[in-house]
Amino acid sequence: MTGRPTFINHADEPPACRGHNPEWWFPTRQDAANTRKAKAICHTCPHENACREWAYAQPPTTLYGIWGGTTEGERRRRKHRERMARRLADRE
């Protein structure tokens, strides 16, 4: 799944990130303060779950930054855990 998420342009309920500094959502590894700011704003967003699930559906190497309150590393770890769980389930 690729492409721009539909909730980005939601007219009735704009995403909470709209209007904030975009650099907060694309921090460097050493920029923990901006990561915390972005995640806090994500947690107030009406689209947080949709945003997070959209991000999880993207190929892991194509999506940088914070989406749905998750970092790239958090999404990568979740995908890894899910792969491991599927492998274990397949062995049973």
N, C-alpha and C. Protein backbone atom coordinates (compact mmCIF):
# COMPACT_ATOMS: atom_id res chain seq x y z
N MET A 1 0.86 -1.17 0.00
CA MET A 1 0.00 0.00 0.00
C MET A 1 0.90 1.23 0.00
N THR A 2 0.67 2.10 -0.92
CA THR A 2 1.42 3.34 -0.96
C THR A 2 0.46 4.47 -1.26
N GLY A 3 0.99 5.64 -1.39
CA GLY A 3 0.15 6.80 -1.66
C GLY A 3 -0.12 7.59 -0.40
N ARG A 4 -0.70 8.72 -0.61
CA ARG A 4 -0.97 9.62 0.50
C ARG A 4 -2.22 9.16 1.26
N PRO A 5 -2.16 9.19 2.58
CA PRO A 5 -3.33 8.76 3.36
C PRO A 5 -4.49 9.74 3.19
N THR A 6 -5.70 9.23 3.14
CA THR A 6 -6.88 10.07 2.89
C THR A 6 -7.18 11.03 4.03
N PHE A 7 -6.84 10.67 5.25
CA PHE A 7 -7.19 11.53 6.39
C PHE A 7 -6.37 12.82 6.43
N ILE A 8 -5.30 12.90 5.68
CA ILE A 8 -4.45 14.10 5.68
C ILE A 8 -5.26 15.34 5.28
N ASN A 9 -6.17 15.18 4.34
CA ASN A 9 -6.95 16.32 3.85
C ASN A 9 -8.38 16.32 4.37
N HIS A 10 -8.64 15.67 5.47
CA HIS A 10 -9.99 15.59 6.04
C HIS A 10 -10.44 17.00 6.43
N ALA A 11 -11.51 17.45 5.83
CA ALA A 11 -11.97 18.84 6.04
C ALA A 11 -12.64 19.04 7.39
N ASP A 12 -13.48 18.09 7.81
CA ASP A 12 -14.23 18.25 9.06
C ASP A 12 -13.36 18.05 10.30
N GLU A 13 -12.43 17.13 10.22
CA GLU A 13 -11.53 16.86 11.34
C GLU A 13 -10.09 16.82 10.83
N PRO A 14 -9.46 17.97 10.75
CA PRO A 14 -8.07 17.96 10.25
C PRO A 14 -7.16 17.23 11.24
N PRO A 15 -6.09 16.64 10.74
CA PRO A 15 -5.16 15.98 11.65
C PRO A 15 -4.53 16.97 12.62
N ALA A 16 -4.25 16.51 13.81
CA ALA A 16 -3.70 17.38 14.86
C ALA A 16 -2.33 17.94 14.47
N CYS A 17 -1.61 17.26 13.60
CA CYS A 17 -0.27 17.72 13.22
C CYS A 17 -0.33 18.94 12.30
N ARG A 18 -1.44 19.15 11.65
CA ARG A 18 -1.55 20.29 10.73
C ARG A 18 -1.31 21.60 11.47
N GLY A 19 -0.44 22.42 10.91
CA GLY A 19 -0.16 23.71 11.50
C GLY A 19 1.03 23.73 12.45
N HIS A 20 1.52 22.56 12.81
CA HIS A 20 2.70 22.49 13.68
C HIS A 20 3.96 22.37 12.83
N ASN A 21 5.09 22.56 13.46
CA ASN A 21 6.37 22.48 12.78
C ASN A 21 6.58 21.07 12.21
N PRO A 22 6.67 20.92 10.88
CA PRO A 22 6.84 19.59 10.29
C PRO A 22 8.13 18.89 10.73
N GLU A 23 9.12 19.66 11.13
CA GLU A 23 10.38 19.05 11.57
C GLU A 23 10.18 18.18 12.80
N TRP A 24 9.14 18.43 13.59
CA TRP A 24 8.88 17.61 14.76
C TRP A 24 8.59 16.17 14.37
N TRP A 25 7.98 15.95 13.20
CA TRP A 25 7.61 14.61 12.77
C TRP A 25 8.72 13.90 12.02
N PHE A 26 9.79 14.60 11.76
CA PHE A 26 10.92 14.01 11.04
C PHE A 26 12.22 14.33 11.78
N PRO A 27 12.29 13.92 13.06
CA PRO A 27 13.46 14.27 13.88
C PRO A 27 14.67 13.40 13.56
N THR A 28 15.81 13.89 13.95
CA THR A 28 17.02 13.07 13.88
C THR A 28 17.01 12.14 15.09
N ARG A 29 17.87 11.17 15.08
CA ARG A 29 17.94 10.22 16.20
C ARG A 29 18.22 10.91 17.53
N GLN A 30 18.96 11.98 17.48
CA GLN A 30 19.34 12.68 18.70
C GLN A 30 18.30 13.70 19.16
N ASP A 31 17.21 13.82 18.45
CA ASP A 31 16.23 14.87 18.72
C ASP A 31 15.03 14.34 19.50
N ALA A 32 15.27 13.89 20.71
CA ALA A 32 14.22 13.30 21.53
C ALA A 32 13.13 14.30 21.89
N ALA A 33 13.48 15.57 22.04
CA ALA A 33 12.48 16.58 22.42
C ALA A 33 11.42 16.71 21.33
N ASN A 34 11.83 16.77 20.08
CA ASN A 34 10.85 16.89 18.99
C ASN A 34 10.05 15.60 18.83
N THR A 35 10.66 14.47 19.07
CA THR A 35 9.93 13.20 19.02
C THR A 35 8.82 13.21 20.06
N ARG A 36 9.13 13.65 21.27
CA ARG A 36 8.11 13.72 22.33
C ARG A 36 6.99 14.69 21.96
N LYS A 37 7.35 15.85 21.40
CA LYS A 37 6.33 16.83 20.99
C LYS A 37 5.40 16.22 19.95
N ALA A 38 5.97 15.62 18.93
CA ALA A 38 5.16 15.05 17.86
C ALA A 38 4.25 13.95 18.39
N LYS A 39 4.79 13.06 19.20
CA LYS A 39 3.97 11.97 19.73
C LYS A 39 2.84 12.49 20.61
N ALA A 40 3.11 13.51 21.41
CA ALA A 40 2.07 14.09 22.26
C ALA A 40 0.94 14.66 21.41
N ILE A 41 1.29 15.31 20.33
CA ILE A 41 0.26 15.87 19.44
C ILE A 41 -0.49 14.73 18.75
N CYS A 42 0.22 13.71 18.32
CA CYS A 42 -0.43 12.55 17.70
C CYS A 42 -1.49 11.95 18.63
N HIS A 43 -1.18 11.89 19.91
CA HIS A 43 -2.10 11.26 20.86
C HIS A 43 -3.38 12.07 21.05
N THR A 44 -3.43 13.30 20.55
CA THR A 44 -4.66 14.10 20.62
C THR A 44 -5.43 14.07 19.31
N CYS A 45 -4.91 13.39 18.32
CA CYS A 45 -5.46 13.44 16.97
C CYS A 45 -6.61 12.46 16.77
N PRO A 46 -7.69 12.89 16.11
CA PRO A 46 -8.80 11.97 15.84
C PRO A 46 -8.43 10.90 14.82
N HIS A 47 -7.32 11.07 14.13
CA HIS A 47 -6.89 10.13 13.10
C HIS A 47 -5.69 9.28 13.53
N GLU A 48 -5.35 9.32 14.80
CA GLU A 48 -4.14 8.62 15.26
C GLU A 48 -4.14 7.15 14.87
N ASN A 49 -5.22 6.43 15.12
CA ASN A 49 -5.26 5.00 14.79
C ASN A 49 -5.16 4.76 13.29
N ALA A 50 -5.91 5.52 12.51
CA ALA A 50 -5.86 5.37 11.05
C ALA A 50 -4.47 5.69 10.52
N CYS A 51 -3.86 6.71 11.07
CA CYS A 51 -2.52 7.12 10.66
C CYS A 51 -1.51 6.02 10.99
N ARG A 52 -1.60 5.49 12.19
CA ARG A 52 -0.67 4.43 12.61
C ARG A 52 -0.84 3.19 11.74
N GLU A 53 -2.08 2.79 11.49
CA GLU A 53 -2.31 1.59 10.67
C GLU A 53 -1.87 1.82 9.23
N TRP A 54 -2.08 3.04 8.71
CA TRP A 54 -1.59 3.36 7.37
C TRP A 54 -0.07 3.21 7.34
N ALA A 55 0.60 3.74 8.36
CA ALA A 55 2.06 3.66 8.41
C ALA A 55 2.54 2.21 8.48
N TYR A 56 1.86 1.37 9.27
CA TYR A 56 2.25 -0.04 9.38
C TYR A 56 2.09 -0.76 8.05
N ALA A 57 1.15 -0.31 7.23
CA ALA A 57 0.90 -0.97 5.95
C ALA A 57 1.92 -0.60 4.88
N GLN A 58 2.74 0.40 5.13
CA GLN A 58 3.74 0.84 4.16
C GLN A 58 4.98 -0.05 4.24
N PRO A 59 5.69 -0.21 3.12
CA PRO A 59 6.96 -0.94 3.19
C PRO A 59 7.89 -0.24 4.18
N PRO A 60 8.53 -0.99 5.06
CA PRO A 60 9.30 -0.37 6.15
C PRO A 60 10.43 0.55 5.70
N THR A 61 10.96 0.33 4.53
CA THR A 61 12.07 1.17 4.08
C THR A 61 11.63 2.43 3.37
N THR A 62 10.33 2.63 3.21
CA THR A 62 9.84 3.78 2.45
C THR A 62 9.26 4.89 3.30
N LEU A 63 9.08 4.65 4.58
CA LEU A 63 8.38 5.63 5.40
C LEU A 63 9.24 6.08 6.57
N TYR A 64 9.59 7.34 6.56
CA TYR A 64 10.42 7.92 7.61
C TYR A 64 9.55 8.83 8.47
N GLY A 65 9.93 9.00 9.70
CA GLY A 65 9.25 9.96 10.56
C GLY A 65 8.23 9.33 11.48
N ILE A 66 7.52 10.19 12.17
CA ILE A 66 6.52 9.78 13.14
C ILE A 66 5.15 9.83 12.48
N TRP A 67 4.46 8.71 12.54
CA TRP A 67 3.11 8.58 11.98
C TRP A 67 2.25 7.87 13.01
N GLY A 68 1.11 8.43 13.33
CA GLY A 68 0.22 7.80 14.29
C GLY A 68 0.85 7.58 15.65
N GLY A 69 1.75 8.47 16.03
CA GLY A 69 2.39 8.38 17.33
C GLY A 69 3.48 7.33 17.43
N THR A 70 3.93 6.79 16.29
CA THR A 70 4.99 5.78 16.31
C THR A 70 6.19 6.24 15.48
N THR A 71 7.35 5.85 15.94
CA THR A 71 8.57 6.14 15.20
C THR A 71 8.83 5.02 14.20
N GLU A 72 9.76 5.28 13.31
CA GLU A 72 10.15 4.27 12.34
C GLU A 72 10.64 2.99 13.04
N GLY A 73 11.44 3.16 14.08
CA GLY A 73 11.94 2.01 14.84
C GLY A 73 10.83 1.22 15.52
N GLU A 74 9.85 1.91 16.07
CA GLU A 74 8.73 1.23 16.73
C GLU A 74 7.92 0.43 15.71
N ARG A 75 7.71 1.00 14.53
CA ARG A 75 6.97 0.27 13.50
C ARG A 75 7.76 -0.95 13.03
N ARG A 76 9.05 -0.78 12.86
CA ARG A 76 9.90 -1.89 12.43
C ARG A 76 9.86 -3.02 13.47
N ARG A 77 9.94 -2.67 14.75
CA ARG A 77 9.90 -3.69 15.81
C ARG A 77 8.55 -4.40 15.83
N ARG A 78 7.46 -3.66 15.63
CA ARG A 78 6.14 -4.31 15.61
C ARG A 78 6.06 -5.30 14.46
N LYS A 79 6.52 -4.89 13.29
CA LYS A 79 6.49 -5.81 12.14
C LYS A 79 7.34 -7.05 12.41
N HIS A 80 8.47 -6.87 13.05
CA HIS A 80 9.33 -8.00 13.39
C HIS A 80 8.61 -8.95 14.35
N ARG A 81 7.99 -8.39 15.40
CA ARG A 81 7.25 -9.23 16.36
C ARG A 81 6.13 -9.99 15.66
N GLU A 82 5.43 -9.33 14.74
CA GLU A 82 4.34 -9.99 14.03
C GLU A 82 4.86 -11.12 13.15
N ARG A 83 6.00 -10.90 12.48
CA ARG A 83 6.60 -11.96 11.66
C ARG A 83 6.99 -13.16 12.52
N MET A 84 7.60 -12.87 13.68
CA MET A 84 8.02 -13.95 14.57
C MET A 84 6.81 -14.73 15.09
N ALA A 85 5.74 -14.03 15.42
CA ALA A 85 4.53 -14.69 15.91
C ALA A 85 3.93 -15.58 14.82
N ARG A 86 3.94 -15.11 13.57
CA ARG A 86 3.42 -15.93 12.46
C ARG A 86 4.28 -17.18 12.27
N ARG A 87 5.59 -17.02 12.36
CA ARG A 87 6.48 -18.18 12.20
C ARG A 87 6.23 -19.21 13.29
N LEU A 88 6.07 -18.74 14.52
CA LEU A 88 5.78 -19.66 15.62
C LEU A 88 4.45 -20.36 15.42
N ALA A 89 3.45 -19.60 14.97
CA ALA A 89 2.13 -20.18 14.74
C ALA A 89 2.18 -21.22 13.62
N ASP A 90 3.00 -20.98 12.61
CA ASP A 90 3.12 -21.92 11.49
C ASP A 90 3.77 -23.23 11.92
N ARG A 91 4.57 -23.19 12.96
CA ARG A 91 5.26 -24.39 13.44
C ARG A 91 4.35 -25.28 14.26
N GLU A 92 3.29 -24.72 14.78
CA GLU A 92 2.39 -25.51 15.65
C GLU A 92 1.47 -26.39 14.86
